Every structure is written in structure tokens, then in C-alpha cells.
Amino acid sequence: MVRQELLDILRCPNCVREKDGLLDYYRESWLICQDCGRKYPIRDDIPVMLIDEGDKWASTKVEDLPVPPPG
């Protein structure tokens, strides 16, 4: 599980310069940007905050996200 202190400071790397880039914590497995919809997987309790990784899942519906994310 990702610590709340970390969740409080993490922002979408794509949006943070122009928008808030706030992230929703989804099923302890994903961080979803409220602005652009990119979805960042959490693997072994480590958020993978790479824009390319978020791009892979951007068009996937939230309810279709695999839990746990593929590794």
C-alpha cells in the first residue's frame, strides 16, 4: 500500500506544469489523473509515474483496468 504522505505530493508528470495534475488512488493499484485521464500503475507499492506508462492506459476505462497491473 502506498503511504498517504506520498499520495499527497504525487502529481501527473504530464499535467503538473499547466494544471493541478491531481491523482485519484484507485483500488490500491492505479493513480488516475483528474485532468488528462492518464493511468499510472502501482507495482510492488511503487507508483510508475512515467508519461509513456500513463499513455499506455489512457484510453482504458477505469472499470477495465487490471488489478493488479501487469508487470
Protein backbone atom coordinates (compact mmCIF):
# COMPACT_ATOMS: atom_id res chain seq x y z
CA MET A 1 0.00 0.00 0.00
CA VAL A 2 1.27 3.46 -0.91
CA ARG A 3 1.70 5.80 2.04
CA GLN A 4 -0.71 8.73 2.26
CA GLU A 5 2.18 11.20 2.55
CA LEU A 6 3.41 10.11 -0.88
CA LEU A 7 -0.07 10.22 -2.41
CA ASP A 8 -0.46 13.79 -1.13
CA ILE A 9 2.56 15.04 -3.07
CA LEU A 10 2.40 12.98 -6.28
CA ARG A 11 1.09 14.72 -9.41
CA CYS A 12 0.68 13.69 -13.03
CA PRO A 13 4.04 14.40 -14.70
CA ASN A 14 2.24 15.37 -17.91
CA CYS A 15 -0.10 17.94 -16.37
CA VAL A 16 1.69 19.36 -13.35
CA ARG A 17 3.23 22.35 -15.16
CA GLU A 18 -0.04 23.69 -16.60
CA LYS A 19 -2.74 22.21 -14.36
CA ASP A 20 -3.10 20.70 -10.91
CA GLY A 21 -2.34 17.16 -12.07
CA LEU A 22 -4.18 15.70 -9.09
CA LEU A 23 -4.40 11.94 -8.95
CA ASP A 24 -7.13 9.58 -7.76
CA TYR A 25 -6.00 6.44 -5.95
CA TYR A 26 -7.88 3.51 -7.48
CA ARG A 27 -8.11 0.07 -5.88
CA GLU A 28 -4.60 0.37 -4.39
CA SER A 29 -3.27 -0.40 -7.90
CA TRP A 30 -3.59 2.74 -10.02
CA LEU A 31 -3.18 6.51 -9.92
CA ILE A 32 -5.53 8.27 -12.33
CA CYS A 33 -5.02 11.89 -13.37
CA GLN A 34 -8.12 14.03 -12.86
CA ASP A 35 -7.05 16.35 -15.70
CA CYS A 36 -5.85 14.18 -18.59
CA GLY A 37 -7.08 10.71 -17.65
CA ARG A 38 -3.68 9.02 -17.82
CA LYS A 39 -3.48 5.98 -15.60
CA TYR A 40 -0.27 5.12 -13.78
CA PRO A 41 0.16 1.59 -12.38
CA ILE A 42 1.42 0.86 -8.90
CA ARG A 43 3.74 -2.15 -8.89
CA ASP A 44 5.11 -3.58 -5.65
CA ASP A 45 3.81 -0.49 -3.83
CA ILE A 46 5.79 1.81 -6.14
CA PRO A 47 3.91 4.22 -8.44
CA VAL A 48 5.28 4.09 -12.00
CA MET A 49 5.00 7.79 -12.85
CA LEU A 50 6.34 7.74 -16.42
CA ILE A 51 4.31 9.61 -19.04
CA ASP A 52 4.82 6.72 -21.51
CA GLU A 53 3.36 4.32 -18.96
CA GLY A 54 0.36 6.59 -18.38
CA ASP A 55 -0.15 6.87 -22.15
CA LYS A 56 -0.48 3.08 -22.47
CA TRP A 57 -3.57 3.09 -20.26
CA ALA A 58 -5.11 6.47 -21.12
CA SER A 59 -7.86 5.03 -23.31
CA THR A 60 -8.69 2.14 -20.96
CA LYS A 61 -11.89 2.59 -18.99
CA VAL A 62 -11.35 2.74 -15.24
CA GLU A 63 -13.52 -0.32 -14.66
CA ASP A 64 -11.42 -2.28 -17.20
CA LEU A 65 -8.06 -1.64 -15.51
CA PRO A 66 -6.41 -4.89 -14.45
CA VAL A 67 -5.83 -5.37 -10.74
CA PRO A 68 -3.02 -5.89 -10.07
CA PRO A 69 -1.43 -4.11 -13.03
CA PRO A 70 0.59 -6.33 -15.37
CA GLY A 71 4.27 -6.24 -14.65
